Amino acid sequence: MTQPAPAQAQESLPLDSTAQLLTRITAQLGTQLGLVTRNGTRRTAPAQPARSRPPDSP
């Protein structure tokens, strides 16, 4: 027979860490879902912003 896990193991992550993780997952999911249309085809990439500094010289 197995012993039940101690109560301490059930709360291994503090609430703040869990909330931060869910926020990151939600943001990534929103970004990825924004790349496809409702019928599943890929959207065109948005225009890239202009670079703020000149390119590195060789």
C-alpha atoms as a PDB file:
ATOM      1  CA  MET A   1       0.000   0.000   0.000  1.00  0.00           C
ATOM      2  CA  THR A   2       1.144   3.506  -0.674  1.00  0.00           C
ATOM      3  CA  GLN A   3       1.137   6.216   1.926  1.00  0.00           C
ATOM      4  CA  PRO A   4      -0.636   9.486   1.203  1.00  0.00           C
ATOM      5  CA  ALA A   5       1.609  12.377   0.240  1.00  0.00           C
ATOM      6  CA  PRO A   6       2.294  14.858   3.004  1.00  0.00           C
ATOM      7  CA  ALA A   7       0.217  18.055   2.944  1.00  0.00           C
ATOM      8  CA  GLN A   8       3.342  20.070   2.231  1.00  0.00           C
ATOM      9  CA  ALA A   9       3.850  18.370  -1.181  1.00  0.00           C
ATOM     10  CA  GLN A  10       0.440  19.521  -2.409  1.00  0.00           C
ATOM     11  CA  GLU A  11       1.562  23.159  -2.309  1.00  0.00           C
ATOM     12  CA  SER A  12       5.008  22.824  -3.841  1.00  0.00           C
ATOM     13  CA  LEU A  13       4.804  26.170  -5.690  1.00  0.00           C
ATOM     14  CA  PRO A  14       3.768  29.420  -4.074  1.00  0.00           C
ATOM     15  CA  LEU A  15       0.688  31.058  -5.548  1.00  0.00           C
ATOM     16  CA  ASP A  16       2.761  33.870  -7.053  1.00  0.00           C
ATOM     17  CA  SER A  17       4.911  31.414  -9.024  1.00  0.00           C
ATOM     18  CA  THR A  18       1.838  29.582 -10.279  1.00  0.00           C
ATOM     19  CA  ALA A  19       0.173  32.837 -11.309  1.00  0.00           C
ATOM     20  CA  GLN A  20       3.329  33.969 -13.115  1.00  0.00           C
ATOM     21  CA  LEU A  21       3.571  30.649 -14.943  1.00  0.00           C
ATOM     22  CA  LEU A  22      -0.074  30.791 -16.035  1.00  0.00           C
ATOM     23  CA  THR A  23       0.393  34.388 -17.182  1.00  0.00           C
ATOM     24  CA  ARG A  24       3.402  33.386 -19.328  1.00  0.00           C
ATOM     25  CA  ILE A  25       1.533  30.406 -20.795  1.00  0.00           C
ATOM     26  CA  THR A  26      -1.484  32.582 -21.575  1.00  0.00           C
ATOM     27  CA  ALA A  27       0.674  35.209 -23.276  1.00  0.00           C
ATOM     28  CA  GLN A  28       2.496  32.600 -25.390  1.00  0.00           C
ATOM     29  CA  LEU A  29      -0.764  30.922 -26.349  1.00  0.00           C
ATOM     30  CA  GLY A  30      -2.268  34.257 -27.371  1.00  0.00           C
ATOM     31  CA  THR A  31       0.775  35.015 -29.512  1.00  0.00           C
ATOM     32  CA  GLN A  32       0.665  31.623 -31.198  1.00  0.00           C
ATOM     33  CA  LEU A  33      -3.087  31.722 -31.775  1.00  0.00           C
ATOM     34  CA  GLY A  34      -2.669  35.143 -33.350  1.00  0.00           C
ATOM     35  CA  LEU A  35      -0.563  33.532 -36.066  1.00  0.00           C
ATOM     36  CA  VAL A  36      -3.428  31.433 -37.454  1.00  0.00           C
ATOM     37  CA  THR A  37      -6.890  32.223 -38.775  1.00  0.00           C
ATOM     38  CA  ARG A  38     -10.086  30.566 -37.577  1.00  0.00           C
ATOM     39  CA  ASN A  39      -9.905  27.987 -40.353  1.00  0.00           C
ATOM     40  CA  GLY A  40      -6.349  27.052 -39.366  1.00  0.00           C
ATOM     41  CA  THR A  41      -4.380  28.762 -42.141  1.00  0.00           C
ATOM     42  CA  ARG A  42      -1.307  30.794 -41.281  1.00  0.00           C
ATOM     43  CA  ARG A  43      -1.648  34.576 -41.182  1.00  0.00           C
ATOM     44  CA  THR A  44       0.886  36.743 -42.938  1.00  0.00           C
ATOM     45  CA  ALA A  45       3.656  38.008 -40.678  1.00  0.00           C
ATOM     46  CA  PRO A  46       3.216  41.554 -39.366  1.00  0.00           C
ATOM     47  CA  ALA A  47       5.606  44.185 -40.683  1.00  0.00           C
ATOM     48  CA  GLN A  48       8.865  44.312 -38.767  1.00  0.00           C
ATOM     49  CA  PRO A  49       9.600  47.605 -36.981  1.00  0.00           C
ATOM     50  CA  ALA A  50      12.527  49.655 -38.273  1.00  0.00           C
ATOM     51  CA  ARG A  51      15.844  49.035 -36.583  1.00  0.00           C
ATOM     52  CA  SER A  52      16.806  51.710 -34.093  1.00  0.00           C
ATOM     53  CA  ARG A  53      20.562  51.389 -34.707  1.00  0.00           C
ATOM     54  CA  PRO A  54      22.632  50.970 -37.870  1.00  0.00           C
ATOM     55  CA  PRO A  55      23.803  47.439 -38.724  1.00  0.00           C
ATOM     56  CA  ASP A  56      27.194  46.310 -37.413  1.00  0.00           C
ATOM     57  CA  SER A  57      30.053  47.010 -39.830  1.00  0.00           C
ATOM     58  CA  PRO A  58      32.440  44.114 -40.655  1.00  0.00           C
END
